[in-house]
Amino acid sequence: MSVPVILASKSRPRRDVLYSAGVCPTIRVSHVDEPAALEDFAREHGVTVNDLSVGQRVTVLAGAKADAVYRAYREVAATAAAATGERVIAYPLRAEEVIAEDEAREASAASGSASAASGSASAAKLAAPESIDYSKDTIATTRDFSGVDIPTVTEPISNVVALQPGLTRAEVGPLIIGCDSMFLMDGECYGKPHSADVARERLRRMSGATGELWTGHCVIDFASGRVARGASRAIVHFAEFSAHDIERYIATGEPLEVAGSFTLEGFGGAFIESIEGDPHGVIGISLPLLRRLVGELGVAWTDLWNVVRGESEPGVLGADGKELPPKENVHQPGDGWVDCACGRKHWGTNGASGILLARRDPRTGEVTHVVMQHRAKWSAEGGTWGIPGGATADGESPIEGALRESYEEANITPEDIEVVGSYREDHGPWAYTTVFAFERPGRAVLPHANDDESMEIAWMPLARIPDLKLLTAMKTDWPRFEARLKSLAAAYQGR
């Protein structure tokens, strides 16, 4: 298996450069306060920010971004490693009712009589809720196993944590990559302009001029904590911009959120006459420099390749059966459809997982609320309620994947919760793990939608859950999940 890569940036161009070079990274935004990071570095070295060269600035910021993501993943790994309780593994496809239903369906299909199977009592039991039009969304709708006597196996969750591959057991990687770019012209450093007025003034100065695009890089090996840093430099020669050119370019919105107010791969590319140096560095990530830094950490660049040449990205099924992912969504490791033994398709080539986070009454210890996610309309079974989660990425365990996904989607901070058990629904080639967790005593999780995969994230009173329009799998599992949460809460009284 390839060494996993985490890109500490939401930059689509940086991610696309890596993807085109055979590396599909997991995206984790760092949320670094850049001015504060520069001020801290300058103060530690007894200078002012103005005393720092452009090369120092971009390298400092790249390091701050990589380190922020490194620390976030350390919290994920620590919370997963501290998991307690039991893991229940359920095998619904081994249930006698399900086996009989599948055999009846196969026999009916073979005889050309589909109506016989659809009219059977067990088919009615496994039918989908009327509120969802499965004729348009069948591909991604989990079968309803409510009322089925599902075989299960129970084991200590600590055994799984100790034996399962994941962040805590990795010998190398994931490699966390941070980058930052600045444009230097006439001795002045330009970051992102953010406003049309600033971009307009910069573009006027850049017309017919020459500047330097610097990009800092920092790579951290999560397994060892080793760090490699460097910066790339490219000299950029610009064509002359007319006032009309500048206004039209600003109207595209492109120059407002990019270093130096221009791009090579976008609308601005036609106004770049020539480049001396690494063109990838102008886009925001230098492949040659990155290859050397990865090599310093003892990893061969080719060991990062996880994309097959010519491979297309898997689509996300919209609620109307069309592929309508939000424009900012990008394919990440673990994304993709799995043809399941249950007769459906499921999202997550490594399986998927999510966090069922409960809040307890501080006086009685009883569960009062759980965090619920109102799923975006474009997603499979869009508009239903479930728990935050998603596909497990390469190099992480289901618990780690659930912790990562629930933070990215719902702002559930790993350091503020404790894992107390899990439930794995195993379909053979695919499985979904529900991770049970409580807020840590004295801590409070403030959930909210961190991305566009949710219409709403909320602490939902326990009594309201059955009244929600639930995701099929959640509707099936909720009665046993509620009972287990109450049992766990009783066992944790006084903690």
Foldseek 3Di string as FASTA:
>chain_A
DFQAEEEQDLQPLVQVVCVQVQFFHHYHHQPDPLVVQLQVVQVVVVHGSLPDDQFRSFQSQQVSSLVSVLVLLVLLLVQLLQEWAKEKEWELCPFPLNVVLVVVCVVCVVVVHNVVSCPDPSVVVFDDDPVADCVQFVQAADTFCFPTPIDMDMDISNVCSVPPFALQPDQWDDKYKGKAKWKADPRDIWFAQQDLVSLLVLLQVLAQHKIKMKMKMKIAISNPRDIFIGMWIKMWGFHGADSVNSVVLVVVVVQRHGHSRAACPDPRVVGTPDMGTANSVRSIDGPVVVQVRCVVVVDHPVSSRDDDVPDDADFFQASRNDGDDPPSDDGHAQFDWDCFPSRHIHGGQAAKEAEFEFEADPVFLFTWWTKKFQFDRGHRVHRFIDGFMHYAHPRRDNSSRRQVRCCQFWVFRSNQKHFHYWYWHDRDSYIYIYTYIYGDVPGDGDTFGNDNRGPTIDTGTLVCVCVTRHRSVCNSCVVVVSVVSRVSSVVPPPD
